[in-house]
Amino acid sequence: MLYRDLRKAGVLCWFATEDLKAGDKFPAEITEAVQSREKLLVVLSKNALNSDGVKQEVILARQSEGKGKREVLLPIRLDSAILHSALEWAAPIRKRRHIRSFENWQHPPHYQKMLIDLLNDLRKE
């Protein structure tokens, strides 16, 4: 739903589940997608924190930031797992970034407000 709504709002998006084609080299395509984008919207949840793919995407985005680019990583959360996580790769996100809450995203009025706020965040330089 979020991917569709971001695209509808004119945000150019790449989402592995939607954009990878059969036969694509998974790690290489993910690396290229992360390194070639201005922003990486990372959706954090209990499940995402246990994903090696999400971990790798965050590490790649932080490396891009370290090379002098502007802030690349834009975290949102679906639950409070990131706020209590002891994972080494997640700690800098929790300590140094505002993580916009998308809790209650299942409720349309809340979701619409959160989407508008996120779109504003994405449009900021």
C-alpha atoms as a PDB file:
ATOM      1  CA  MET A   1       0.000   0.000   0.000  1.00  0.00           C
ATOM      2  CA  LEU A   2       2.758   2.478   0.915  1.00  0.00           C
ATOM      3  CA  TYR A   3       4.718   1.725  -2.268  1.00  0.00           C
ATOM      4  CA  ARG A   4       1.603   2.304  -4.383  1.00  0.00           C
ATOM      5  CA  ASP A   5       0.739   5.534  -2.576  1.00  0.00           C
ATOM      6  CA  LEU A   6       4.279   6.903  -2.868  1.00  0.00           C
ATOM      7  CA  ARG A   7       4.275   6.209  -6.603  1.00  0.00           C
ATOM      8  CA  LYS A   8       0.825   7.777  -6.953  1.00  0.00           C
ATOM      9  CA  ALA A   9       2.241  10.904  -5.268  1.00  0.00           C
ATOM     10  CA  GLY A  10       5.031  11.058  -7.847  1.00  0.00           C
ATOM     11  CA  VAL A  11       7.831   9.579  -5.752  1.00  0.00           C
ATOM     12  CA  LEU A  12      10.159   7.459  -7.860  1.00  0.00           C
ATOM     13  CA  CYS A  13      10.445   4.182  -5.975  1.00  0.00           C
ATOM     14  CA  TRP A  14      12.289   0.919  -6.263  1.00  0.00           C
ATOM     15  CA  PHE A  15      10.928  -1.985  -4.229  1.00  0.00           C
ATOM     16  CA  ALA A  16      12.587  -5.389  -4.592  1.00  0.00           C
ATOM     17  CA  THR A  17       9.353  -7.344  -4.328  1.00  0.00           C
ATOM     18  CA  GLU A  18       7.858  -5.307  -7.182  1.00  0.00           C
ATOM     19  CA  ASP A  19      10.863  -4.397  -9.297  1.00  0.00           C
ATOM     20  CA  LEU A  20      13.152  -7.425  -9.364  1.00  0.00           C
ATOM     21  CA  LYS A  21      12.655  -9.551 -12.454  1.00  0.00           C
ATOM     22  CA  ALA A  22      13.119 -13.297 -12.743  1.00  0.00           C
ATOM     23  CA  GLY A  23      16.806 -14.021 -13.130  1.00  0.00           C
ATOM     24  CA  ASP A  24      18.036 -10.736 -11.632  1.00  0.00           C
ATOM     25  CA  LYS A  25      21.091 -11.108  -9.435  1.00  0.00           C
ATOM     26  CA  PHE A  26      19.545 -10.379  -6.083  1.00  0.00           C
ATOM     27  CA  PRO A  27      22.470  -8.957  -4.058  1.00  0.00           C
ATOM     28  CA  ALA A  28      23.840  -6.969  -6.993  1.00  0.00           C
ATOM     29  CA  GLU A  29      20.461  -5.433  -7.866  1.00  0.00           C
ATOM     30  CA  ILE A  30      19.790  -4.479  -4.255  1.00  0.00           C
ATOM     31  CA  THR A  31      23.234  -2.890  -3.911  1.00  0.00           C
ATOM     32  CA  GLU A  32      22.777  -0.926  -7.139  1.00  0.00           C
ATOM     33  CA  ALA A  33      19.307   0.247  -6.107  1.00  0.00           C
ATOM     34  CA  VAL A  34      20.450   1.445  -2.678  1.00  0.00           C
ATOM     35  CA  GLN A  35      23.622   3.138  -3.893  1.00  0.00           C
ATOM     36  CA  SER A  36      21.960   4.922  -6.801  1.00  0.00           C
ATOM     37  CA  ARG A  37      19.085   6.488  -4.858  1.00  0.00           C
ATOM     38  CA  GLU A  38      18.967   9.791  -3.045  1.00  0.00           C
ATOM     39  CA  LYS A  39      16.983   8.304  -0.160  1.00  0.00           C
ATOM     40  CA  LEU A  40      16.445   4.887   1.335  1.00  0.00           C
ATOM     41  CA  LEU A  41      13.135   4.550   3.102  1.00  0.00           C
ATOM     42  CA  VAL A  42      13.617   1.696   5.528  1.00  0.00           C
ATOM     43  CA  VAL A  43      10.492   0.258   7.108  1.00  0.00           C
ATOM     44  CA  LEU A  44      11.447  -1.073  10.525  1.00  0.00           C
ATOM     45  CA  SER A  45       9.526  -3.707  12.415  1.00  0.00           C
ATOM     46  CA  LYS A  46      10.257  -6.739  14.537  1.00  0.00           C
ATOM     47  CA  ASN A  47      10.445  -8.825  11.355  1.00  0.00           C
ATOM     48  CA  ALA A  48      12.593  -6.285   9.500  1.00  0.00           C
ATOM     49  CA  LEU A  49      15.126  -6.223  12.320  1.00  0.00           C
ATOM     50  CA  ASN A  50      15.611  -9.960  11.826  1.00  0.00           C
ATOM     51  CA  SER A  51      16.131  -9.591   8.064  1.00  0.00           C
ATOM     52  CA  ASP A  52      19.661  -9.847   6.710  1.00  0.00           C
ATOM     53  CA  GLY A  53      18.464  -7.975   3.626  1.00  0.00           C
ATOM     54  CA  VAL A  54      17.270  -4.977   5.628  1.00  0.00           C
ATOM     55  CA  LYS A  55      20.501  -5.017   7.633  1.00  0.00           C
ATOM     56  CA  GLN A  56      22.561  -4.947   4.427  1.00  0.00           C
ATOM     57  CA  GLU A  57      20.453  -2.159   2.895  1.00  0.00           C
ATOM     58  CA  VAL A  58      20.914  -0.005   6.003  1.00  0.00           C
ATOM     59  CA  ILE A  59      24.660  -0.629   6.051  1.00  0.00           C
ATOM     60  CA  LEU A  60      24.928   0.320   2.357  1.00  0.00           C
ATOM     61  CA  ALA A  61      22.919   3.506   2.912  1.00  0.00           C
ATOM     62  CA  ARG A  62      25.059   4.514   5.894  1.00  0.00           C
ATOM     63  CA  GLN A  63      28.206   3.905   3.821  1.00  0.00           C
ATOM     64  CA  SER A  64      26.817   6.228   1.145  1.00  0.00           C
ATOM     65  CA  GLU A  65      26.236   8.866   3.796  1.00  0.00           C
ATOM     66  CA  GLY A  66      29.814   8.449   4.974  1.00  0.00           C
ATOM     67  CA  LYS A  67      31.066   9.302   1.489  1.00  0.00           C
ATOM     68  CA  GLY A  68      29.862  12.871   1.846  1.00  0.00           C
ATOM     69  CA  LYS A  69      26.397  12.524   0.378  1.00  0.00           C
ATOM     70  CA  ARG A  70      23.498  14.109   2.195  1.00  0.00           C
ATOM     71  CA  GLU A  71      21.395  12.038   4.560  1.00  0.00           C
ATOM     72  CA  VAL A  72      20.246   8.962   2.676  1.00  0.00           C
ATOM     73  CA  LEU A  73      18.545   6.849   5.322  1.00  0.00           C
ATOM     74  CA  LEU A  74      14.939   7.716   6.137  1.00  0.00           C
ATOM     75  CA  PRO A  75      13.572   5.307   8.766  1.00  0.00           C
ATOM     76  CA  ILE A  76       9.962   4.681   9.668  1.00  0.00           C
ATOM     77  CA  ARG A  77       8.666   2.104  12.118  1.00  0.00           C
ATOM     78  CA  LEU A  78       5.606  -0.122  12.206  1.00  0.00           C
ATOM     79  CA  ASP A  79       6.077  -1.129  15.841  1.00  0.00           C
ATOM     80  CA  SER A  80       8.371  -0.279  18.750  1.00  0.00           C
ATOM     81  CA  ALA A  81      10.953  -3.051  18.175  1.00  0.00           C
ATOM     82  CA  ILE A  82      13.660  -0.629  16.972  1.00  0.00           C
ATOM     83  CA  LEU A  83      13.305   1.410  20.164  1.00  0.00           C
ATOM     84  CA  HIS A  84      14.497  -1.552  22.241  1.00  0.00           C
ATOM     85  CA  SER A  85      16.754  -3.381  19.815  1.00  0.00           C
ATOM     86  CA  ALA A  86      20.281  -4.294  20.878  1.00  0.00           C
ATOM     87  CA  LEU A  87      21.351  -5.119  17.306  1.00  0.00           C
ATOM     88  CA  GLU A  88      24.641  -3.435  16.471  1.00  0.00           C
ATOM     89  CA  TRP A  89      23.500  -2.154  13.066  1.00  0.00           C
ATOM     90  CA  ALA A  90      20.201  -0.810  14.450  1.00  0.00           C
ATOM     91  CA  ALA A  91      21.589   1.128  17.409  1.00  0.00           C
ATOM     92  CA  PRO A  92      22.892   4.118  15.381  1.00  0.00           C
ATOM     93  CA  ILE A  93      19.489   4.529  13.762  1.00  0.00           C
ATOM     94  CA  ARG A  94      17.759   4.599  17.119  1.00  0.00           C
ATOM     95  CA  LYS A  95      20.335   6.910  18.700  1.00  0.00           C
ATOM     96  CA  ARG A  96      20.892   9.395  15.882  1.00  0.00           C
ATOM     97  CA  ARG A  97      17.725   9.536  13.791  1.00  0.00           C
ATOM     98  CA  HIS A  98      14.166  10.577  14.213  1.00  0.00           C
ATOM     99  CA  ILE A  99      12.195   7.471  13.314  1.00  0.00           C
ATOM    100  CA  ARG A 100       8.771   8.449  12.102  1.00  0.00           C
ATOM    101  CA  SER A 101       6.076   6.220  13.572  1.00  0.00           C
ATOM    102  CA  PHE A 102       3.751   4.390  11.212  1.00  0.00           C
ATOM    103  CA  GLU A 103       2.083   2.507  14.026  1.00  0.00           C
ATOM    104  CA  ASN A 104      -1.672   2.357  13.496  1.00  0.00           C
ATOM    105  CA  TRP A 105      -1.120   2.491   9.734  1.00  0.00           C
ATOM    106  CA  GLN A 106      -4.077   0.129   9.329  1.00  0.00           C
ATOM    107  CA  HIS A 107      -6.468   2.951  10.276  1.00  0.00           C
ATOM    108  CA  PRO A 108      -7.101   5.163   7.217  1.00  0.00           C
ATOM    109  CA  PRO A 109      -7.175   8.568   8.983  1.00  0.00           C
ATOM    110  CA  HIS A 110      -3.886   7.808  10.783  1.00  0.00           C
ATOM    111  CA  TYR A 111      -2.313   6.406   7.642  1.00  0.00           C
ATOM    112  CA  GLN A 112      -3.233   9.447   5.536  1.00  0.00           C
ATOM    113  CA  LYS A 113      -1.683  11.816   8.100  1.00  0.00           C
ATOM    114  CA  MET A 114       1.472   9.701   8.323  1.00  0.00           C
ATOM    115  CA  LEU A 115       1.711   9.491   4.528  1.00  0.00           C
ATOM    116  CA  ILE A 116       1.485  13.278   4.179  1.00  0.00           C
ATOM    117  CA  ASP A 117       4.207  13.727   6.812  1.00  0.00           C
ATOM    118  CA  LEU A 118       6.405  11.161   5.058  1.00  0.00           C
ATOM    119  CA  LEU A 119       5.919  12.829   1.672  1.00  0.00           C
ATOM    120  CA  ASN A 120       6.980  16.125   3.233  1.00  0.00           C
ATOM    121  CA  ASP A 121      10.082  14.426   4.676  1.00  0.00           C
ATOM    122  CA  LEU A 122      10.961  12.955   1.283  1.00  0.00           C
ATOM    123  CA  ARG A 123      10.665  16.330  -0.425  1.00  0.00           C
ATOM    124  CA  LYS A 124      12.972  18.097   2.026  1.00  0.00           C
ATOM    125  CA  GLU A 125      16.497  18.664   0.767  1.00  0.00           C
END
